[in-house]
């Protein structure tokens, strides 16, 4: 296991883990949050293997 110490905002910690998708690259960690577990699971499936920019584009669909 690798852990990186960071100050995570309380608001992000308060969100149920099943409503968050977490991705990382060599210099960034992204937390995508959703209203429903089903949305999160669908997002994970749809964005498998995508780049950060591609994921961000798909994520916009869930924000409406």
Protein backbone atom coordinates (compact mmCIF):
# COMPACT_ATOMS: atom_id res chain seq x y z
CA UNK A 1 0.00 0.00 0.00
CA UNK A 2 1.17 3.52 -0.79
CA UNK A 3 -0.23 6.44 1.17
CA UNK A 4 0.29 10.12 0.39
CA UNK A 5 -0.48 12.49 3.22
CA UNK A 6 -2.77 15.33 2.20
CA UNK A 7 -5.22 17.74 3.77
CA UNK A 8 -8.54 16.44 2.46
CA UNK A 9 -11.42 18.93 2.84
CA UNK A 10 -14.02 17.89 5.42
CA UNK A 11 -16.76 18.25 2.79
CA UNK A 12 -15.09 15.61 0.63
CA UNK A 13 -14.59 13.27 3.57
CA UNK A 14 -18.29 13.58 4.43
CA UNK A 15 -19.35 12.14 1.05
CA UNK A 16 -20.05 8.41 1.11
CA UNK A 17 -17.21 6.47 -0.57
CA UNK A 18 -19.71 4.75 -2.85
CA UNK A 19 -20.50 8.16 -4.36
CA UNK A 20 -16.88 9.01 -5.21
CA UNK A 21 -14.65 7.91 -8.05
CA UNK A 22 -10.96 8.58 -7.47
CA UNK A 23 -8.40 8.66 -10.25
CA UNK A 24 -4.78 9.74 -10.26
CA UNK A 25 -2.07 10.55 -12.74
CA UNK A 26 1.61 11.30 -12.17
CA UNK A 27 0.83 14.76 -10.78
CA UNK A 28 -2.89 14.92 -9.93
CA UNK A 29 -5.55 13.15 -7.88
CA UNK A 30 -9.14 13.73 -8.99
CA UNK A 31 -12.28 13.07 -6.96
CA UNK A 32 -15.44 12.78 -9.03
CA UNK A 33 -18.58 12.89 -6.88
CA UNK A 34 -22.07 11.69 -7.73
CA UNK A 35 -25.59 11.87 -6.33
CA UNK A 36 -26.26 8.16 -6.76
CA UNK A 37 -24.17 5.00 -6.53
CA UNK A 38 -25.52 3.83 -9.89
CA UNK A 39 -24.19 6.99 -11.56
CA UNK A 40 -20.76 6.42 -10.06
CA UNK A 41 -20.69 2.79 -11.21
CA UNK A 42 -21.80 3.73 -14.72
CA UNK A 43 -19.14 6.45 -14.85
CA UNK A 44 -16.44 3.97 -13.81
CA UNK A 45 -17.46 1.59 -16.59
CA UNK A 46 -17.78 4.30 -19.25
CA UNK A 47 -14.44 5.94 -18.48
CA UNK A 48 -12.29 2.84 -18.08
CA UNK A 49 -8.96 3.48 -19.83
CA UNK A 50 -9.70 7.14 -20.62
CA UNK A 51 -7.43 10.10 -20.04
CA UNK A 52 -8.16 12.76 -17.43
CA UNK A 53 -9.49 15.16 -20.07
CA UNK A 54 -11.77 12.50 -21.54
CA UNK A 55 -13.11 11.65 -18.06
CA UNK A 56 -13.78 15.31 -17.31
CA UNK A 57 -15.81 15.59 -20.51
CA UNK A 58 -17.94 12.57 -19.61
CA UNK A 59 -18.32 13.82 -16.01
CA UNK A 60 -19.99 17.00 -17.28
CA UNK A 61 -22.92 14.85 -18.42
CA UNK A 62 -23.56 13.88 -14.80
CA UNK A 63 -23.60 17.45 -13.55
CA UNK A 64 -26.87 18.44 -15.20
